[in-house]
Amino acid sequence: MNFRKKYKSLLKKKKKVATLRMGIKEYEKDEMVKVVAGGEEIGIARVLDVRILRWNDIDKNDVRMEGLKRKRDLEKELKKIYGEFDDDTIFTQIVFDIVEGSKCSKDRKK
């Protein structure tokens, strides 16, 4: 999973433990994926949960797992990446735990 460089610190401190990707993405629970931020490998993560959500259904807990405090901040960040979207836009939420020294089963960079 690729992240912007500005998320590197949050990822390393495990303050960002989820990511929202627009559309339906095919990640699976317990899948091991490489985590990259700003071109630098952070480690390997185990996927803990995968949920399909509409923007309107995203709550405060989902925002906190993203390492942010307010939904409008998350919306602003996602619009920088994906452009405009509405309340019915579908996102895949991938909840993960970065695990040091594990082998990656798939070299995914989505």
PDB file of N, CA and C in Angstrom:
ATOM      1  N   MET A   1       0.848  -1.162   0.000  1.00  0.00           N
ATOM      2  CA  MET A   1       0.000   0.000   0.000  1.00  0.00           C
ATOM      3  C   MET A   1       0.897   1.230   0.000  1.00  0.00           C
ATOM      4  N   ASN A   2       0.599   2.125  -0.884  1.00  0.00           N
ATOM      5  CA  ASN A   2       1.370   3.360  -0.985  1.00  0.00           C
ATOM      6  C   ASN A   2       0.670   4.508  -0.270  1.00  0.00           C
ATOM      7  N   PHE A   3       1.458   5.307   0.433  1.00  0.00           N
ATOM      8  CA  PHE A   3       0.958   6.473   1.136  1.00  0.00           C
ATOM      9  C   PHE A   3       1.833   7.668   0.786  1.00  0.00           C
ATOM     10  N   ARG A   4       1.292   8.845   0.964  1.00  0.00           N
ATOM     11  CA  ARG A   4       2.078  10.058   0.788  1.00  0.00           C
ATOM     12  C   ARG A   4       3.121  10.153   1.901  1.00  0.00           C
ATOM     13  N   LYS A   5       4.201  10.857   1.589  1.00  0.00           N
ATOM     14  CA  LYS A   5       5.316  10.996   2.535  1.00  0.00           C
ATOM     15  C   LYS A   5       4.872  11.567   3.878  1.00  0.00           C
ATOM     16  N   LYS A   6       3.902  12.471   3.856  1.00  0.00           N
ATOM     17  CA  LYS A   6       3.474  13.133   5.085  1.00  0.00           C
ATOM     18  C   LYS A   6       2.848  12.169   6.097  1.00  0.00           C
ATOM     19  N   TYR A   7       2.498  10.963   5.662  1.00  0.00           N
ATOM     20  CA  TYR A   7       1.906   9.975   6.574  1.00  0.00           C
ATOM     21  C   TYR A   7       2.932   9.036   7.195  1.00  0.00           C
ATOM     22  N   LYS A   8       4.192   9.183   6.810  1.00  0.00           N
ATOM     23  CA  LYS A   8       5.232   8.268   7.286  1.00  0.00           C
ATOM     24  C   LYS A   8       5.299   8.213   8.806  1.00  0.00           C
ATOM     25  N   SER A   9       5.324   9.359   9.451  1.00  0.00           N
ATOM     26  CA  SER A   9       5.421   9.412  10.912  1.00  0.00           C
ATOM     27  C   SER A   9       4.205   8.765  11.585  1.00  0.00           C
ATOM     28  N   LEU A  10       3.008   9.071  11.083  1.00  0.00           N
ATOM     29  CA  LEU A  10       1.797   8.484  11.650  1.00  0.00           C
ATOM     30  C   LEU A  10       1.780   6.966  11.489  1.00  0.00           C
ATOM     31  N   LEU A  11       2.274   6.491  10.359  1.00  0.00           N
ATOM     32  CA  LEU A  11       2.332   5.048  10.131  1.00  0.00           C
ATOM     33  C   LEU A  11       3.322   4.387  11.089  1.00  0.00           C
ATOM     34  N   LYS A  12       4.494   4.985  11.229  1.00  0.00           N
ATOM     35  CA  LYS A  12       5.518   4.408  12.107  1.00  0.00           C
ATOM     36  C   LYS A  12       5.082   4.398  13.563  1.00  0.00           C
ATOM     37  N   LYS A  13       4.325   5.421  13.972  1.00  0.00           N
ATOM     38  CA  LYS A  13       3.847   5.515  15.363  1.00  0.00           C
ATOM     39  C   LYS A  13       2.551   4.739  15.578  1.00  0.00           C
ATOM     40  N   LYS A  14       2.066   4.111  14.505  1.00  0.00           N
ATOM     41  CA  LYS A  14       0.809   3.345  14.529  1.00  0.00           C
ATOM     42  C   LYS A  14      -0.383   4.212  14.927  1.00  0.00           C
ATOM     43  N   LYS A  15      -0.340   5.474  14.500  1.00  0.00           N
ATOM     44  CA  LYS A  15      -1.478   6.374  14.717  1.00  0.00           C
ATOM     45  C   LYS A  15      -2.392   6.363  13.500  1.00  0.00           C
ATOM     46  N   LYS A  16      -1.866   5.908  12.378  1.00  0.00           N
ATOM     47  CA  LYS A  16      -2.667   5.684  11.178  1.00  0.00           C
ATOM     48  C   LYS A  16      -2.719   4.174  10.982  1.00  0.00           C
ATOM     49  N   VAL A  17      -3.897   3.603  11.242  1.00  0.00           N
ATOM     50  CA  VAL A  17      -4.033   2.141  11.201  1.00  0.00           C
ATOM     51  C   VAL A  17      -5.084   1.694  10.190  1.00  0.00           C
ATOM     52  N   ALA A  18      -5.522   2.640   9.368  1.00  0.00           N
ATOM     53  CA  ALA A  18      -6.503   2.326   8.329  1.00  0.00           C
ATOM     54  C   ALA A  18      -6.308   3.271   7.161  1.00  0.00           C
ATOM     55  N   THR A  19      -6.813   2.849   6.022  1.00  0.00           N
ATOM     56  CA  THR A  19      -6.785   3.700   4.843  1.00  0.00           C
ATOM     57  C   THR A  19      -8.074   3.514   4.072  1.00  0.00           C
ATOM     58  N   LEU A  20      -8.547   4.587   3.483  1.00  0.00           N
ATOM     59  CA  LEU A  20      -9.722   4.540   2.620  1.00  0.00           C
ATOM     60  C   LEU A  20      -9.260   4.657   1.181  1.00  0.00           C
ATOM     61  N   ARG A  21      -9.733   3.736   0.354  1.00  0.00           N
ATOM     62  CA  ARG A  21      -9.426   3.759  -1.068  1.00  0.00           C
ATOM     63  C   ARG A  21     -10.747   3.832  -1.828  1.00  0.00           C
ATOM     64  N   MET A  22     -10.847   4.776  -2.757  1.00  0.00           N
ATOM     65  CA  MET A  22     -12.096   4.941  -3.492  1.00  0.00           C
ATOM     66  C   MET A  22     -12.389   3.709  -4.336  1.00  0.00           C
ATOM     67  N   GLY A  23     -13.639   3.288  -4.310  1.00  0.00           N
ATOM     68  CA  GLY A  23     -14.065   2.119  -5.071  1.00  0.00           C
ATOM     69  C   GLY A  23     -13.900   0.840  -4.256  1.00  0.00           C
ATOM     70  N   ILE A  24     -14.142  -0.267  -4.915  1.00  0.00           N
ATOM     71  CA  ILE A  24     -14.019  -1.568  -4.255  1.00  0.00           C
ATOM     72  C   ILE A  24     -12.652  -2.140  -4.593  1.00  0.00           C
ATOM     73  N   LYS A  25     -11.841  -2.354  -3.550  1.00  0.00           N
ATOM     74  CA  LYS A  25     -10.492  -2.889  -3.707  1.00  0.00           C
ATOM     75  C   LYS A  25     -10.457  -4.309  -3.162  1.00  0.00           C
ATOM     76  N   GLU A  26      -9.628  -5.132  -3.738  1.00  0.00           N
ATOM     77  CA  GLU A  26      -9.613  -6.546  -3.386  1.00  0.00           C
ATOM     78  C   GLU A  26      -8.477  -6.892  -2.436  1.00  0.00           C
ATOM     79  N   TYR A  27      -8.616  -6.470  -1.200  1.00  0.00           N
ATOM     80  CA  TYR A  27      -7.712  -6.879  -0.136  1.00  0.00           C
ATOM     81  C   TYR A  27      -8.433  -7.925   0.692  1.00  0.00           C
ATOM     82  N   GLU A  28      -7.680  -8.802   1.334  1.00  0.00           N
ATOM     83  CA  GLU A  28      -8.282  -9.860   2.137  1.00  0.00           C
ATOM     84  C   GLU A  28      -7.742  -9.816   3.556  1.00  0.00           C
ATOM     85  N   LYS A  29      -8.595 -10.167   4.508  1.00  0.00           N
ATOM     86  CA  LYS A  29      -8.187 -10.253   5.900  1.00  0.00           C
ATOM     87  C   LYS A  29      -7.011 -11.215   6.010  1.00  0.00           C
ATOM     88  N   ASP A  30      -6.018 -10.861   6.824  1.00  0.00           N
ATOM     89  CA  ASP A  30      -4.785 -11.621   7.070  1.00  0.00           C
ATOM     90  C   ASP A  30      -3.778 -11.570   5.922  1.00  0.00           C
ATOM     91  N   GLU A  31      -4.090 -10.860   4.855  1.00  0.00           N
ATOM     92  CA  GLU A  31      -3.134 -10.677   3.765  1.00  0.00           C
ATOM     93  C   GLU A  31      -1.971  -9.827   4.278  1.00  0.00           C
ATOM     94  N   MET A  32      -0.760 -10.133   3.835  1.00  0.00           N
ATOM     95  CA  MET A  32       0.427  -9.373   4.198  1.00  0.00           C
ATOM     96  C   MET A  32       0.794  -8.482   3.014  1.00  0.00           C
ATOM     97  N   VAL A  33       0.942  -7.176   3.286  1.00  0.00           N
ATOM     98  CA  VAL A  33       1.222  -6.216   2.213  1.00  0.00           C
ATOM     99  C   VAL A  33       2.376  -5.294   2.607  1.00  0.00           C
ATOM    100  N   LYS A  34       3.117  -4.861   1.609  1.00  0.00           N
ATOM    101  CA  LYS A  34       4.196  -3.903   1.833  1.00  0.00           C
ATOM    102  C   LYS A  34       3.603  -2.513   2.019  1.00  0.00           C
ATOM    103  N   VAL A  35       4.140  -1.763   2.992  1.00  0.00           N
ATOM    104  CA  VAL A  35       3.691  -0.401   3.253  1.00  0.00           C
ATOM    105  C   VAL A  35       4.819   0.549   2.864  1.00  0.00           C
ATOM    106  N   VAL A  36       4.502   1.487   1.972  1.00  0.00           N
ATOM    107  CA  VAL A  36       5.468   2.444   1.454  1.00  0.00           C
ATOM    108  C   VAL A  36       4.906   3.849   1.655  1.00  0.00           C
ATOM    109  N   ALA A  37       5.737   4.756   2.165  1.00  0.00           N
ATOM    110  CA  ALA A  37       5.324   6.153   2.329  1.00  0.00           C
ATOM    111  C   ALA A  37       6.384   7.049   1.711  1.00  0.00           C
ATOM    112  N   GLY A  38       6.001   7.829   0.726  1.00  0.00           N
ATOM    113  CA  GLY A  38       6.937   8.730   0.063  1.00  0.00           C
ATOM    114  C   GLY A  38       8.101   7.997  -0.587  1.00  0.00           C
ATOM    115  N   GLY A  39       7.844   6.801  -1.085  1.00  0.00           N
ATOM    116  CA  GLY A  39       8.889   6.015  -1.741  1.00  0.00           C
ATOM    117  C   GLY A  39       9.765   5.209  -0.799  1.00  0.00           C
ATOM    118  N   GLU A  40       9.573   5.348   0.510  1.00  0.00           N
ATOM    119  CA  GLU A  40      10.373   4.625   1.495  1.00  0.00           C
ATOM    120  C   GLU A  40       9.548   3.485   2.099  1.00  0.00           C
ATOM    121  N   GLU A  41      10.115   2.290   2.100  1.00  0.00           N
ATOM    122  CA  GLU A  41       9.409   1.160   2.695  1.00  0.00           C
ATOM    123  C   GLU A  41       9.362   1.322   4.214  1.00  0.00           C
ATOM    124  N   ILE A  42       8.154   1.252   4.769  1.00  0.00           N
ATOM    125  CA  ILE A  42       7.942   1.381   6.209  1.00  0.00           C
ATOM    126  C   ILE A  42       7.968   0.013   6.869  1.00  0.00           C
ATOM    127  N   GLY A  43       7.456  -0.974   6.181  1.00  0.00           N
ATOM    128  CA  GLY A  43       7.400  -2.323   6.727  1.00  0.00           C
ATOM    129  C   GLY A  43       6.344  -3.146   6.027  1.00  0.00           C
ATOM    130  N   ILE A  44       5.981  -4.223   6.693  1.00  0.00           N
ATOM    131  CA  ILE A  44       4.962  -5.137   6.198  1.00  0.00           C
ATOM    132  C   ILE A  44       3.766  -5.024   7.138  1.00  0.00           C
ATOM    133  N   ALA A  45       2.574  -5.016   6.558  1.00  0.00           N
ATOM    134  CA  ALA A  45       1.359  -4.918   7.365  1.00  0.00           C
ATOM    135  C   ALA A  45       0.470  -6.131   7.143  1.00  0.00           C
ATOM    136  N   ARG A  46      -0.184  -6.541   8.212  1.00  0.00           N
ATOM    137  CA  ARG A  46      -1.212  -7.572   8.130  1.00  0.00           C
ATOM    138  C   ARG A  46      -2.560  -6.848   8.041  1.00  0.00           C
ATOM    139  N   VAL A  47      -3.353  -7.227   7.061  1.00  0.00           N
ATOM    140  CA  VAL A  47      -4.690  -6.665   6.920  1.00  0.00           C
ATOM    141  C   VAL A  47      -5.576  -7.295   7.988  1.00  0.00           C
ATOM    142  N   LEU A  48      -6.143  -6.449   8.853  1.00  0.00           N
ATOM    143  CA  LEU A  48      -6.987  -6.922   9.948  1.00  0.00           C
ATOM    144  C   LEU A  48      -8.463  -6.960   9.571  1.00  0.00           C
ATOM    145  N   ASP A  49      -8.870  -6.047   8.704  1.00  0.00           N
ATOM    146  CA  ASP A  49     -10.279  -5.978   8.324  1.00  0.00           C
ATOM    147  C   ASP A  49     -10.410  -5.217   7.018  1.00  0.00           C
ATOM    148  N   VAL A  50     -11.415  -5.557   6.241  1.00  0.00           N
ATOM    149  CA  VAL A  50     -11.727  -4.860   4.994  1.00  0.00           C
ATOM    150  C   VAL A  50     -13.233  -4.613   4.993  1.00  0.00           C
ATOM    151  N   ARG A  51     -13.609  -3.343   4.835  1.00  0.00           N
ATOM    152  CA  ARG A  51     -15.025  -2.971   4.833  1.00  0.00           C
ATOM    153  C   ARG A  51     -15.319  -2.090   3.630  1.00  0.00           C
ATOM    154  N   ILE A  52     -16.505  -2.258   3.070  1.00  0.00           N
ATOM    155  CA  ILE A  52     -16.979  -1.400   1.991  1.00  0.00           C
ATOM    156  C   ILE A  52     -17.955  -0.406   2.621  1.00  0.00           C
ATOM    157  N   LEU A  53     -17.674   0.897   2.462  1.00  0.00           N
ATOM    158  CA  LEU A  53     -18.464   1.948   3.087  1.00  0.00           C
ATOM    159  C   LEU A  53     -18.820   3.033   2.087  1.00  0.00           C
ATOM    160  N   ARG A  54     -19.965   3.638   2.283  1.00  0.00           N
ATOM    161  CA  ARG A  54     -20.292   4.865   1.556  1.00  0.00           C
ATOM    162  C   ARG A  54     -19.727   6.020   2.378  1.00  0.00           C
ATOM    163  N   TRP A  55     -19.364   7.106   1.716  1.00  0.00           N
ATOM    164  CA  TRP A  55     -18.794   8.255   2.423  1.00  0.00           C
ATOM    165  C   TRP A  55     -19.699   8.683   3.579  1.00  0.00           C
ATOM    166  N   ASN A  56     -20.986   8.692   3.349  1.00  0.00           N
ATOM    167  CA  ASN A  56     -21.946   9.121   4.358  1.00  0.00           C
ATOM    168  C   ASN A  56     -21.907   8.243   5.625  1.00  0.00           C
ATOM    169  N   ASP A  57     -21.453   6.994   5.514  1.00  0.00           N
ATOM    170  CA  ASP A  57     -21.427   6.055   6.644  1.00  0.00           C
ATOM    171  C   ASP A  57     -20.127   6.105   7.442  1.00  0.00           C
ATOM    172  N   ILE A  58     -19.167   6.891   6.999  1.00  0.00           N
ATOM    173  CA  ILE A  58     -17.885   6.979   7.703  1.00  0.00           C
ATOM    174  C   ILE A  58     -18.079   7.814   8.966  1.00  0.00           C
ATOM    175  N   ASP A  59     -17.648   7.240  10.109  1.00  0.00           N
ATOM    176  CA  ASP A  59     -17.887   7.903  11.397  1.00  0.00           C
ATOM    177  C   ASP A  59     -16.578   8.375  12.044  1.00  0.00           C
ATOM    178  N   LYS A  60     -16.701   8.931  13.258  1.00  0.00           N
ATOM    179  CA  LYS A  60     -15.540   9.475  13.974  1.00  0.00           C
ATOM    180  C   LYS A  60     -14.457   8.434  14.206  1.00  0.00           C
ATOM    181  N   ASN A  61     -14.846   7.208  14.517  1.00  0.00           N
ATOM    182  CA  ASN A  61     -13.859   6.153  14.734  1.00  0.00           C
ATOM    183  C   ASN A  61     -13.062   5.879  13.458  1.00  0.00           C
ATOM    184  N   ASP A  62     -13.753   5.860  12.318  1.00  0.00           N
ATOM    185  CA  ASP A  62     -13.067   5.652  11.034  1.00  0.00           C
ATOM    186  C   ASP A  62     -12.060   6.772  10.783  1.00  0.00           C
ATOM    187  N   VAL A  63     -12.450   7.999  11.111  1.00  0.00           N
ATOM    188  CA  VAL A  63     -11.570   9.156  10.928  1.00  0.00           C
ATOM    189  C   VAL A  63     -10.339   9.027  11.831  1.00  0.00           C
ATOM    190  N   ARG A  64     -10.533   8.635  13.080  1.00  0.00           N
ATOM    191  CA  ARG A  64      -9.407   8.468  14.019  1.00  0.00           C
ATOM    192  C   ARG A  64      -8.431   7.391  13.544  1.00  0.00           C
ATOM    193  N   MET A  65      -8.972   6.296  12.994  1.00  0.00           N
ATOM    194  CA  MET A  65      -8.093   5.233  12.493  1.00  0.00           C
ATOM    195  C   MET A  65      -7.225   5.731  11.336  1.00  0.00           C
ATOM    196  N   GLU A  66      -7.683   6.785  10.656  1.00  0.00           N
ATOM    197  CA  GLU A  66      -6.918   7.406   9.569  1.00  0.00           C
ATOM    198  C   GLU A  66      -5.834   8.345  10.102  1.00  0.00           C
ATOM    199  N   GLY A  67      -5.828   8.542  11.427  1.00  0.00           N
ATOM    200  CA  GLY A  67      -4.839   9.437  12.025  1.00  0.00           C
ATOM    201  C   GLY A  67      -5.271  10.891  12.024  1.00  0.00           C
ATOM    202  N   LEU A  68      -6.547  11.134  11.794  1.00  0.00           N
ATOM    203  CA  LEU A  68      -7.077  12.495  11.749  1.00  0.00           C
ATOM    204  C   LEU A  68      -8.124  12.688  12.839  1.00  0.00           C
ATOM    205  N   LYS A  69      -8.521  13.951  13.052  1.00  0.00           N
ATOM    206  CA  LYS A  69      -9.477  14.263  14.116  1.00  0.00           C
ATOM    207  C   LYS A  69     -10.866  14.606  13.594  1.00  0.00           C
ATOM    208  N   ARG A  70     -10.932  15.159  12.378  1.00  0.00           N
ATOM    209  CA  ARG A  70     -12.222  15.617  11.860  1.00  0.00           C
ATOM    210  C   ARG A  70     -12.504  15.021  10.479  1.00  0.00           C
ATOM    211  N   LYS A  71     -13.763  14.691  10.261  1.00  0.00           N
ATOM    212  CA  LYS A  71     -14.164  14.110   8.978  1.00  0.00           C
ATOM    213  C   LYS A  71     -13.902  15.079   7.832  1.00  0.00           C
ATOM    214  N   ARG A  72     -14.067  16.372   8.084  1.00  0.00           N
ATOM    215  CA  ARG A  72     -13.832  17.320   6.992  1.00  0.00           C
ATOM    216  C   ARG A  72     -12.354  17.359   6.584  1.00  0.00           C
ATOM    217  N   ASP A  73     -11.438  17.085   7.535  1.00  0.00           N
ATOM    218  CA  ASP A  73     -10.010  17.001   7.184  1.00  0.00           C
ATOM    219  C   ASP A  73      -9.747  15.775   6.317  1.00  0.00           C
ATOM    220  N   LEU A  74     -10.405  14.670   6.661  1.00  0.00           N
ATOM    221  CA  LEU A  74     -10.271  13.453   5.852  1.00  0.00           C
ATOM    222  C   LEU A  74     -10.844  13.693   4.457  1.00  0.00           C
ATOM    223  N   GLU A  75     -11.977  14.349   4.392  1.00  0.00           N
ATOM    224  CA  GLU A  75     -12.593  14.655   3.100  1.00  0.00           C
ATOM    225  C   GLU A  75     -11.652  15.501   2.230  1.00  0.00           C
ATOM    226  N   LYS A  76     -11.040  16.501   2.831  1.00  0.00           N
ATOM    227  CA  LYS A  76     -10.108  17.374   2.105  1.00  0.00           C
ATOM    228  C   LYS A  76      -8.924  16.567   1.552  1.00  0.00           C
ATOM    229  N   GLU A  77      -8.375  15.675   2.376  1.00  0.00           N
ATOM    230  CA  GLU A  77      -7.246  14.835   1.945  1.00  0.00           C
ATOM    231  C   GLU A  77      -7.655  13.912   0.802  1.00  0.00           C
ATOM    232  N   LEU A  78      -8.807  13.272   0.944  1.00  0.00           N
ATOM    233  CA  LEU A  78      -9.258  12.340  -0.096  1.00  0.00           C
ATOM    234  C   LEU A  78      -9.569  13.061  -1.398  1.00  0.00           C
ATOM    235  N   LYS A  79     -10.088  14.289  -1.318  1.00  0.00           N
ATOM    236  CA  LYS A  79     -10.373  15.046  -2.542  1.00  0.00           C
ATOM    237  C   LYS A  79      -9.091  15.459  -3.255  1.00  0.00           C
ATOM    238  N   LYS A  80      -7.989  15.655  -2.513  1.00  0.00           N
ATOM    239  CA  LYS A  80      -6.690  15.935  -3.147  1.00  0.00           C
ATOM    240  C   LYS A  80      -6.238  14.740  -3.983  1.00  0.00           C
ATOM    241  N   ILE A  81      -6.568  13.549  -3.501  1.00  0.00           N
ATOM    242  CA  ILE A  81      -6.142  12.321  -4.183  1.00  0.00           C
ATOM    243  C   ILE A  81      -7.100  11.940  -5.306  1.00  0.00           C
ATOM    244  N   TYR A  82      -8.404  11.942  -5.005  1.00  0.00           N
ATOM    245  CA  TYR A  82      -9.397  11.382  -5.928  1.00  0.00           C
ATOM    246  C   TYR A  82     -10.246  12.412  -6.658  1.00  0.00           C
ATOM    247  N   GLY A  83     -10.201  13.667  -6.247  1.00  0.00           N
ATOM    248  CA  GLY A  83     -11.097  14.649  -6.830  1.00  0.00           C
ATOM    249  C   GLY A  83     -12.437  14.623  -6.105  1.00  0.00           C
ATOM    250  N   GLU A  84     -13.423  15.239  -6.697  1.00  0.00           N
ATOM    251  CA  GLU A  84     -14.735  15.370  -6.054  1.00  0.00           C
ATOM    252  C   GLU A  84     -15.422  14.015  -5.889  1.00  0.00           C
ATOM    253  N   PHE A  85     -16.204  13.901  -4.820  1.00  0.00           N
ATOM    254  CA  PHE A  85     -17.066  12.737  -4.603  1.00  0.00           C
ATOM    255  C   PHE A  85     -18.243  13.196  -3.754  1.00  0.00           C
ATOM    256  N   ASP A  86     -19.275  12.335  -3.655  1.00  0.00           N
ATOM    257  CA  ASP A  86     -20.460  12.712  -2.884  1.00  0.00           C
ATOM    258  C   ASP A  86     -20.716  11.710  -1.760  1.00  0.00           C
ATOM    259  N   ASP A  87     -21.825  11.901  -1.041  1.00  0.00           N
ATOM    260  CA  ASP A  87     -22.142  11.071   0.121  1.00  0.00           C
ATOM    261  C   ASP A  87     -22.317   9.595  -0.222  1.00  0.00           C
ATOM    262  N   ASP A  88     -22.683   9.291  -1.470  1.00  0.00           N
ATOM    263  CA  ASP A  88     -22.910   7.898  -1.870  1.00  0.00           C
ATOM    264  C   ASP A  88     -21.684   7.226  -2.472  1.00  0.00           C
ATOM    265  N   THR A  89     -20.570   7.946  -2.558  1.00  0.00           N
ATOM    266  CA  THR A  89     -19.353   7.365  -3.126  1.00  0.00           C
ATOM    267  C   THR A  89     -18.881   6.204  -2.245  1.00  0.00           C
ATOM    268  N   ILE A  90     -18.505   5.114  -2.906  1.00  0.00           N
ATOM    269  CA  ILE A  90     -18.068   3.898  -2.216  1.00  0.00           C
ATOM    270  C   ILE A  90     -16.560   3.951  -1.981  1.00  0.00           C
ATOM    271  N   PHE A  91     -16.164   3.579  -0.770  1.00  0.00           N
ATOM    272  CA  PHE A  91     -14.755   3.451  -0.402  1.00  0.00           C
ATOM    273  C   PHE A  91     -14.515   2.072   0.206  1.00  0.00           C
ATOM    274  N   THR A  92     -13.308   1.570   0.024  1.00  0.00           N
ATOM    275  CA  THR A  92     -12.874   0.372   0.732  1.00  0.00           C
ATOM    276  C   THR A  92     -12.004   0.834   1.880  1.00  0.00           C
ATOM    277  N   GLN A  93     -12.367   0.424   3.090  1.00  0.00           N
ATOM    278  CA  GLN A  93     -11.556   0.727   4.268  1.00  0.00           C
ATOM    279  C   GLN A  93     -10.708  -0.501   4.566  1.00  0.00           C
ATOM    280  N   ILE A  94      -9.402  -0.286   4.613  1.00  0.00           N
ATOM    281  CA  ILE A  94      -8.464  -1.360   4.918  1.00  0.00           C
ATOM    282  C   ILE A  94      -7.838  -1.036   6.269  1.00  0.00           C
ATOM    283  N   VAL A  95      -8.116  -1.874   7.260  1.00  0.00           N
ATOM    284  CA  VAL A  95      -7.562  -1.716   8.602  1.00  0.00           C
ATOM    285  C   VAL A  95      -6.365  -2.658   8.685  1.00  0.00           C
ATOM    286  N   PHE A  96      -5.238  -2.145   9.197  1.00  0.00           N
ATOM    287  CA  PHE A  96      -4.004  -2.929   9.157  1.00  0.00           C
ATOM    288  C   PHE A  96      -3.170  -2.726  10.414  1.00  0.00           C
ATOM    289  N   ASP A  97      -2.221  -3.631  10.591  1.00  0.00           N
ATOM    290  CA  ASP A  97      -1.251  -3.538  11.670  1.00  0.00           C
ATOM    291  C   ASP A  97       0.125  -3.758  11.064  1.00  0.00           C
ATOM    292  N   ILE A  98       0.995  -2.789  11.223  1.00  0.00           N
ATOM    293  CA  ILE A  98       2.353  -2.938  10.678  1.00  0.00           C
ATOM    294  C   ILE A  98       3.124  -3.908  11.560  1.00  0.00           C
ATOM    295  N   VAL A  99       3.652  -4.944  10.914  1.00  0.00           N
ATOM    296  CA  VAL A  99       4.370  -6.011  11.610  1.00  0.00           C
ATOM    297  C   VAL A  99       5.819  -5.977  11.139  1.00  0.00           C
ATOM    298  N   GLU A 100       6.739  -5.796  12.046  1.00  0.00           N
ATOM    299  CA  GLU A 100       8.171  -5.735  11.702  1.00  0.00           C
ATOM    300  C   GLU A 100       8.697  -7.133  11.364  1.00  0.00           C
ATOM    301  N   GLY A 101       9.559  -7.232  10.360  1.00  0.00           N
ATOM    302  CA  GLY A 101      10.285  -8.466  10.061  1.00  0.00           C
ATOM    303  C   GLY A 101       9.479  -9.599   9.475  1.00  0.00           C
ATOM    304  N   SER A 102       8.263  -9.331   9.016  1.00  0.00           N
ATOM    305  CA  SER A 102       7.459 -10.387   8.408  1.00  0.00           C
ATOM    306  C   SER A 102       7.737 -10.451   6.918  1.00  0.00           C
ATOM    307  N   LYS A 103       7.459 -11.584   6.344  1.00  0.00           N
ATOM    308  CA  LYS A 103       7.585 -11.740   4.893  1.00  0.00           C
ATOM    309  C   LYS A 103       6.279 -11.336   4.243  1.00  0.00           C
ATOM    310  N   CYS A 104       6.381 -10.710   3.099  1.00  0.00           N
ATOM    311  CA  CYS A 104       5.203 -10.248   2.378  1.00  0.00           C
ATOM    312  C   CYS A 104       4.734 -11.343   1.423  1.00  0.00           C
ATOM    313  N   SER A 105       3.457 -11.720   1.505  1.00  0.00           N
ATOM    314  CA  SER A 105       2.934 -12.758   0.619  1.00  0.00           C
ATOM    315  C   SER A 105       2.684 -12.228  -0.786  1.00  0.00           C
ATOM    316  N   LYS A 106       2.388 -10.950  -0.889  1.00  0.00           N
ATOM    317  CA  LYS A 106       2.139 -10.320  -2.190  1.00  0.00           C
ATOM    318  C   LYS A 106       2.795  -8.947  -2.186  1.00  0.00           C
ATOM    319  N   ASP A 107       3.483  -8.629  -3.243  1.00  0.00           N
ATOM    320  CA  ASP A 107       4.112  -7.302  -3.354  1.00  0.00           C
ATOM    321  C   ASP A 107       3.106  -6.368  -4.010  1.00  0.00           C
ATOM    322  N   ARG A 108       2.172  -5.850  -3.206  1.00  0.00           N
ATOM    323  CA  ARG A 108       1.116  -4.988  -3.722  1.00  0.00           C
ATOM    324  C   ARG A 108       1.479  -3.539  -3.450  1.00  0.00           C
ATOM    325  N   LYS A 109       1.183  -2.699  -4.414  1.00  0.00           N
ATOM    326  CA  LYS A 109       1.496  -1.280  -4.245  1.00  0.00           C
ATOM    327  C   LYS A 109       0.266  -0.432  -4.524  1.00  0.00           C
ATOM    328  N   LYS A 110      -0.906  -0.902  -4.169  1.00  0.00           N
ATOM    329  CA  LYS A 110      -2.143  -0.157  -4.426  1.00  0.00           C
ATOM    330  C   LYS A 110      -2.437   0.766  -3.302  1.00  0.00           C
TER     331      LYS A 110
END
